[in-house]
Each structure stands twice: as C-alpha cells, then as structure tokens.
C-alpha atoms as a PDB file:
ATOM      1  CA  UNK A   1      85.954   5.450   3.378  1.00  0.00           C
ATOM      2  CA  UNK A   2      85.529   4.983  -0.279  1.00  0.00           C
ATOM      3  CA  UNK A   3      86.908   7.205  -2.954  1.00  0.00           C
ATOM      4  CA  UNK A   4      84.502   9.864  -4.142  1.00  0.00           C
ATOM      5  CA  UNK A   5      82.400   9.872  -1.009  1.00  0.00           C
ATOM      6  CA  UNK A   6      82.398  12.434   1.689  1.00  0.00           C
ATOM      7  CA  UNK A   7      81.632  10.358   4.629  1.00  0.00           C
ATOM      8  CA  UNK A   8      80.668   6.970   5.953  1.00  0.00           C
ATOM      9  CA  UNK A   9      77.757   5.228   4.094  1.00  0.00           C
ATOM     10  CA  UNK A  10      74.561   5.134   6.142  1.00  0.00           C
ATOM     11  CA  UNK A  11      72.641   1.881   6.328  1.00  0.00           C
ATOM     12  CA  UNK A  12      68.921   1.939   5.444  1.00  0.00           C
ATOM     13  CA  UNK A  13      66.678   0.353   8.027  1.00  0.00           C
ATOM     14  CA  UNK A  14      64.850  -2.417   6.016  1.00  0.00           C
ATOM     15  CA  UNK A  15      62.848  -0.171   3.722  1.00  0.00           C
ATOM     16  CA  UNK A  16      63.547  -0.654   0.038  1.00  0.00           C
ATOM     17  CA  UNK A  17      64.809   2.324  -1.892  1.00  0.00           C
ATOM     18  CA  UNK A  18      62.294   3.285  -4.603  1.00  0.00           C
ATOM     19  CA  UNK A  19      63.483   4.633  -7.845  1.00  0.00           C
ATOM     20  CA  UNK A  20      62.026   7.720  -9.367  1.00  0.00           C
ATOM     21  CA  UNK A  21      60.353   5.620 -12.072  1.00  0.00           C
ATOM     22  CA  UNK A  22      58.678   3.345  -9.520  1.00  0.00           C
ATOM     23  CA  UNK A  23      57.379   6.321  -7.573  1.00  0.00           C
ATOM     24  CA  UNK A  24      55.941   7.863 -10.750  1.00  0.00           C
ATOM     25  CA  UNK A  25      54.315   4.556 -11.779  1.00  0.00           C
ATOM     26  CA  UNK A  26      52.864   4.000  -8.324  1.00  0.00           C
ATOM     27  CA  UNK A  27      51.522   7.585  -8.222  1.00  0.00           C
ATOM     28  CA  UNK A  28      49.976   7.109 -11.654  1.00  0.00           C
ATOM     29  CA  UNK A  29      48.375   3.801 -10.605  1.00  0.00           C
ATOM     30  CA  UNK A  30      46.896   5.339  -7.410  1.00  0.00           C
ATOM     31  CA  UNK A  31      45.601   8.254  -9.485  1.00  0.00           C
ATOM     32  CA  UNK A  32      44.053   5.926 -12.106  1.00  0.00           C
ATOM     33  CA  UNK A  33      42.387   3.710  -9.487  1.00  0.00           C
ATOM     34  CA  UNK A  34      41.062   6.766  -7.662  1.00  0.00           C
ATOM     35  CA  UNK A  35      39.732   8.209 -10.879  1.00  0.00           C
ATOM     36  CA  UNK A  36      38.005   4.896 -11.750  1.00  0.00           C
ATOM     37  CA  UNK A  37      36.411   4.743  -8.303  1.00  0.00           C
ATOM     38  CA  UNK A  38      35.149   8.335  -8.610  1.00  0.00           C
ATOM     39  CA  UNK A  39      33.803   7.725 -12.111  1.00  0.00           C
ATOM     40  CA  UNK A  40      32.127   4.522 -10.952  1.00  0.00           C
ATOM     41  CA  UNK A  41      30.472   6.381  -8.072  1.00  0.00           C
ATOM     42  CA  UNK A  42      29.309   9.117 -10.440  1.00  0.00           C
ATOM     43  CA  UNK A  43      27.803   6.577 -12.866  1.00  0.00           C
ATOM     44  CA  UNK A  44      26.021   4.732 -10.010  1.00  0.00           C
ATOM     45  CA  UNK A  45      24.664   7.961  -8.609  1.00  0.00           C
ATOM     46  CA  UNK A  46      23.583   9.109 -12.032  1.00  0.00           C
ATOM     47  CA  UNK A  47      21.810   5.836 -12.664  1.00  0.00           C
ATOM     48  CA  UNK A  48      20.071   5.953  -9.324  1.00  0.00           C
ATOM     49  CA  UNK A  49      19.366   9.612  -9.830  1.00  0.00           C
ATOM     50  CA  UNK A  50      17.790   8.956 -13.192  1.00  0.00           C
ATOM     51  CA  UNK A  51      15.427   6.414 -11.658  1.00  0.00           C
ATOM     52  CA  UNK A  52      14.526   8.863  -8.913  1.00  0.00           C
ATOM     53  CA  UNK A  53      14.073  11.758 -11.367  1.00  0.00           C
ATOM     54  CA  UNK A  54      11.980   9.623 -13.692  1.00  0.00           C
ATOM     55  CA  UNK A  55       9.816   8.702 -10.705  1.00  0.00           C
ATOM     56  CA  UNK A  56       9.504  12.324  -9.713  1.00  0.00           C
ATOM     57  CA  UNK A  57       8.649  13.454 -13.213  1.00  0.00           C
ATOM     58  CA  UNK A  58       6.217  10.634 -13.791  1.00  0.00           C
ATOM     59  CA  UNK A  59       4.786  11.043 -10.293  1.00  0.00           C
ATOM     60  CA  UNK A  60       2.535  13.939 -11.264  1.00  0.00           C
ATOM     61  CA  UNK A  61      -0.480  11.690 -10.992  1.00  0.00           C
ATOM     62  CA  UNK A  62       0.646  10.395  -7.566  1.00  0.00           C
ATOM     63  CA  UNK A  63       1.037  13.974  -6.361  1.00  0.00           C
ATOM     64  CA  UNK A  64      -2.512  14.797  -7.548  1.00  0.00           C
ATOM     65  CA  UNK A  65      -3.793  11.788  -5.699  1.00  0.00           C
ATOM     66  CA  UNK A  66      -1.833  12.787  -2.606  1.00  0.00           C
ATOM     67  CA  UNK A  67      -3.299  16.267  -2.728  1.00  0.00           C
ATOM     68  CA  UNK A  68      -6.788  14.847  -3.118  1.00  0.00           C
ATOM     69  CA  UNK A  69      -6.298  12.410  -0.221  1.00  0.00           C
ATOM     70  CA  UNK A  70      -4.979  15.226   2.009  1.00  0.00           C
ATOM     71  CA  UNK A  71      -8.089  17.278   1.176  1.00  0.00           C
ATOM     72  CA  UNK A  72     -10.335  14.325   2.104  1.00  0.00           C
ATOM     73  CA  UNK A  73      -8.483  13.850   5.374  1.00  0.00           C
ATOM     74  CA  UNK A  74      -8.631  17.535   6.162  1.00  0.00           C
ATOM     75  CA  UNK A  75     -12.386  17.587   5.442  1.00  0.00           C
ATOM     76  CA  UNK A  76     -12.942  14.672   7.800  1.00  0.00           C
ATOM     77  CA  UNK A  77     -11.286  16.445  10.745  1.00  0.00           C
ATOM     78  CA  UNK A  78     -13.439  18.399  13.148  1.00  0.00           C
ATOM     79  CA  UNK A  79     -11.201  21.314  14.251  1.00  0.00           C
ATOM     80  CA  UNK A  80     -13.690  22.399  16.942  1.00  0.00           C
ATOM     81  CA  UNK A  81     -12.844  19.369  19.089  1.00  0.00           C
ATOM     82  CA  UNK A  82      -9.678  19.125  21.228  1.00  0.00           C
ATOM     83  CA  UNK A  83      -7.723  16.050  19.998  1.00  0.00           C
ATOM     84  CA  UNK A  84      -6.248  15.544  23.462  1.00  0.00           C
ATOM     85  CA  UNK A  85      -9.722  15.025  24.938  1.00  0.00           C
ATOM     86  CA  UNK A  86     -11.532  13.103  22.129  1.00  0.00           C
ATOM     87  CA  UNK A  87      -9.236  12.115  19.302  1.00  0.00           C
ATOM     88  CA  UNK A  88     -11.855   9.972  17.530  1.00  0.00           C
ATOM     89  CA  UNK A  89     -14.319  12.823  17.272  1.00  0.00           C
ATOM     90  CA  UNK A  90     -11.464  15.167  16.239  1.00  0.00           C
ATOM     91  CA  UNK A  91     -10.279  12.809  13.458  1.00  0.00           C
ATOM     92  CA  UNK A  92     -13.696  11.583  12.226  1.00  0.00           C
ATOM     93  CA  UNK A  93     -16.140  14.261  13.303  1.00  0.00           C
ATOM     94  CA  UNK A  94     -16.330  15.945   9.922  1.00  0.00           C
ATOM     95  CA  UNK A  95     -17.058  12.648   8.160  1.00  0.00           C
ATOM     96  CA  UNK A  96     -19.626  11.632  10.728  1.00  0.00           C
ATOM     97  CA  UNK A  97     -21.410  14.956  10.343  1.00  0.00           C
ATOM     98  CA  UNK A  98     -21.665  14.542   6.556  1.00  0.00           C
ATOM     99  CA  UNK A  99     -22.601  10.839   6.427  1.00  0.00           C
ATOM    100  CA  UNK A 100     -25.531   9.289   8.165  1.00  0.00           C
ATOM    101  CA  UNK A 101     -25.791   5.521   8.643  1.00  0.00           C
ATOM    102  CA  UNK A 102     -28.085   4.164   5.844  1.00  0.00           C
ATOM    103  CA  UNK A 103     -31.231   2.447   7.079  1.00  0.00           C
ATOM    104  CA  UNK A 104     -30.364  -0.787   5.329  1.00  0.00           C
ATOM    105  CA  UNK A 105     -26.974  -1.109   7.117  1.00  0.00           C
ATOM    106  CA  UNK A 106     -26.202  -1.836  10.737  1.00  0.00           C
ATOM    107  CA  UNK A 107     -22.812  -0.155  10.514  1.00  0.00           C
ATOM    108  CA  UNK A 108     -21.390   2.289   8.052  1.00  0.00           C
ATOM    109  CA  UNK A 109     -17.939   3.738   7.834  1.00  0.00           C
ATOM    110  CA  UNK A 110     -15.306   5.082   5.479  1.00  0.00           C
ATOM    111  CA  UNK A 111     -14.462   1.580   4.207  1.00  0.00           C
ATOM    112  CA  UNK A 112     -18.046   0.938   3.219  1.00  0.00           C
ATOM    113  CA  UNK A 113     -18.279   4.339   1.605  1.00  0.00           C
ATOM    114  CA  UNK A 114     -15.114   3.706  -0.431  1.00  0.00           C
ATOM    115  CA  UNK A 115     -16.489   0.296  -1.437  1.00  0.00           C
ATOM    116  CA  UNK A 116     -19.668   1.932  -2.718  1.00  0.00           C
ATOM    117  CA  UNK A 117     -17.644   4.545  -4.630  1.00  0.00           C
ATOM    118  CA  UNK A 118     -15.517   1.782  -6.171  1.00  0.00           C
ATOM    119  CA  UNK A 119     -18.620  -0.140  -7.271  1.00  0.00           C
ATOM    120  CA  UNK A 120     -20.014   3.003  -8.885  1.00  0.00           C
ATOM    121  CA  UNK A 121     -16.742   3.496 -10.763  1.00  0.00           C
ATOM    122  CA  UNK A 122     -16.317  -0.171 -11.782  1.00  0.00           C
ATOM    123  CA  UNK A 123     -19.841  -0.826 -13.049  1.00  0.00           C
ATOM    124  CA  UNK A 124     -19.527   1.400 -16.169  1.00  0.00           C
ATOM    125  CA  UNK A 125     -16.120  -0.130 -16.876  1.00  0.00           C
ATOM    126  CA  UNK A 126     -17.521  -3.639 -16.647  1.00  0.00           C
ATOM    127  CA  UNK A 127     -20.448  -2.796 -18.916  1.00  0.00           C
ATOM    128  CA  UNK A 128     -18.222  -1.502 -21.712  1.00  0.00           C
ATOM    129  CA  UNK A 129     -17.633  -3.796 -24.728  1.00  0.00           C
ATOM    130  CA  UNK A 130     -14.702  -6.212 -24.443  1.00  0.00           C
ATOM    131  CA  UNK A 131     -11.531  -4.714 -26.025  1.00  0.00           C
ATOM    132  CA  UNK A 132      -9.552  -7.978 -26.214  1.00  0.00           C
ATOM    133  CA  UNK A 133     -11.157 -10.597 -28.446  1.00  0.00           C
ATOM    134  CA  UNK A 134      -9.280 -13.561 -27.037  1.00  0.00           C
ATOM    135  CA  UNK A 135     -11.395 -16.041 -25.088  1.00  0.00           C
ATOM    136  CA  UNK A 136      -8.587 -16.395 -22.554  1.00  0.00           C
ATOM    137  CA  UNK A 137      -8.223 -12.658 -21.768  1.00  0.00           C
ATOM    138  CA  UNK A 138      -8.759 -11.667 -18.201  1.00  0.00           C
ATOM    139  CA  UNK A 139     -10.841  -8.677 -19.289  1.00  0.00           C
ATOM    140  CA  UNK A 140     -13.290 -10.926 -21.215  1.00  0.00           C
ATOM    141  CA  UNK A 141     -13.588 -13.389 -18.272  1.00  0.00           C
ATOM    142  CA  UNK A 142     -14.286 -10.634 -15.740  1.00  0.00           C
ATOM    143  CA  UNK A 143     -16.834  -8.883 -17.926  1.00  0.00           C
ATOM    144  CA  UNK A 144     -18.588 -12.136 -18.861  1.00  0.00           C
ATOM    145  CA  UNK A 145     -18.742 -13.131 -15.187  1.00  0.00           C
ATOM    146  CA  UNK A 146     -20.141  -9.694 -14.225  1.00  0.00           C
ATOM    147  CA  UNK A 147     -22.755  -9.807 -16.998  1.00  0.00           C
ATOM    148  CA  UNK A 148     -23.796 -13.311 -16.007  1.00  0.00           C
ATOM    149  CA  UNK A 149     -24.692 -11.989 -12.559  1.00  0.00           C
ATOM    150  CA  UNK A 150     -26.844  -9.264 -14.039  1.00  0.00           C
ATOM    151  CA  UNK A 151     -29.060 -11.529 -16.148  1.00  0.00           C
ATOM    152  CA  UNK A 152     -31.523 -12.483 -13.427  1.00  0.00           C
ATOM    153  CA  UNK A 153     -34.049 -14.016 -15.846  1.00  0.00           C
ATOM    154  CA  UNK A 154     -31.443 -16.489 -17.112  1.00  0.00           C
ATOM    155  CA  UNK A 155     -30.336 -17.256 -13.511  1.00  0.00           C
ATOM    156  CA  UNK A 156     -33.917 -17.977 -12.519  1.00  0.00           C
ATOM    157  CA  UNK A 157     -34.441 -20.129 -15.660  1.00  0.00           C
ATOM    158  CA  UNK A 158     -31.380 -22.302 -15.026  1.00  0.00           C
ATOM    159  CA  UNK A 159     -31.986 -22.621 -11.287  1.00  0.00           C
ATOM    160  CA  UNK A 160     -29.447 -24.712  -9.340  1.00  0.00           C
ATOM    161  CA  UNK A 161     -28.415 -26.735 -12.402  1.00  0.00           C
ATOM    162  CA  UNK A 162     -25.022 -25.079 -13.116  1.00  0.00           C
ATOM    163  CA  UNK A 163     -24.035 -25.227  -9.451  1.00  0.00           C
ATOM    164  CA  UNK A 164     -24.989 -28.898  -9.172  1.00  0.00           C
ATOM    165  CA  UNK A 165     -22.873 -29.625 -12.254  1.00  0.00           C
ATOM    166  CA  UNK A 166     -19.865 -27.937 -10.654  1.00  0.00           C
ATOM    167  CA  UNK A 167     -20.376 -29.907  -7.428  1.00  0.00           C
ATOM    168  CA  UNK A 168     -20.587 -33.178  -9.428  1.00  0.00           C
ATOM    169  CA  UNK A 169     -17.467 -32.286 -11.419  1.00  0.00           C
ATOM    170  CA  UNK A 170     -15.608 -31.775  -8.139  1.00  0.00           C
ATOM    171  CA  UNK A 171     -16.508 -35.274  -6.994  1.00  0.00           C
ATOM    172  CA  UNK A 172     -19.610 -34.478  -4.927  1.00  0.00           C
ATOM    173  CA  UNK A 173     -20.210 -32.787  -1.682  1.00  0.00           C
ATOM    174  CA  UNK A 174     -19.761 -34.889   1.450  1.00  0.00           C
ATOM    175  CA  UNK A 175     -21.966 -33.793   4.242  1.00  0.00           C
END
C-alpha cells in the first residue's frame, strides 16, 4: 500500500485513460463534424429543391399542355365500349367517329392528323420575314429553303439544272 491511498491500485485493462480536456475536445470535434454534415445536407437539399421548385414554377406551360393532352385522350375514348372485350375500339373509338379517312389517302391516323396540324402551324411561321439578318442563321436557311419550294414557276424554269450541278459537284452518279 502507498501512503495516502485507501486500498490497492487497480490495473486498467489496456484502455488509455482520457483526460477531461481530451474528452471535451473530442466531443467538440464530433459535434462540429456532425454540424458540418447536417449543414452540407441542408445546402444540397436546398440546391436540389430550388431546381425542383424552379421547374414547378416555370412548368405552368407544361401543365397546360398536359391538361390539353389529357382532354384529347379523354375525347378519343369511347366509354360505351367494354375495354376488356375490344380495347382498340375503347381507346380509339371517339377519334375514329370524328375523323373519316380522306379520299386521297389509303390510311389515316392520329400521326397523320398531327402532321397536318403541324404543317398548318409551321407554314405561317415559315412565311414570316427573317428576323436574323446573318446569311449563316438557321432561320434564314430554313425559310429560304421553304420559299424555294413554293416558287413553282422558278422550279419549272430551271428544270433539272440545279440537281445536275449538285450531282456533278459530288463526283457524278455511278449507276
């Protein structure tokens, strides 16, 4: 026994004895790292949330389109037909009732109808004056090409000449 002790000294089993200062520093470090992780997660979620919110707020036009598309789909359905017996007539019956096959076409469907609608929408856009003055602008090239197809008198006057020039520039046409 040593002086000033009350009993035999117990041996610690391999674990280091931590001082009060080390425990406080380690606790502070764990707290700081945890706080940084939480703040990092909040910032990441906020950044992702801002993109999502911006998409939602800007998505008003997409929602309008979705509503319009759902109306079109609902109008194409024929609710009088049992979908378990004839799904095609159920899904397309309303459209088939409203659209007859034109005499100049062998087949006609929703894809052809959408193509015609797109042509009707694009033609006025292509006939507008060119907004970009640059010769290299895509808008000018598309509109010039479209207008060149409309001028039938000029096409008839030139005949096959322009096409033969292109074939010659490409090195001929081996047949």
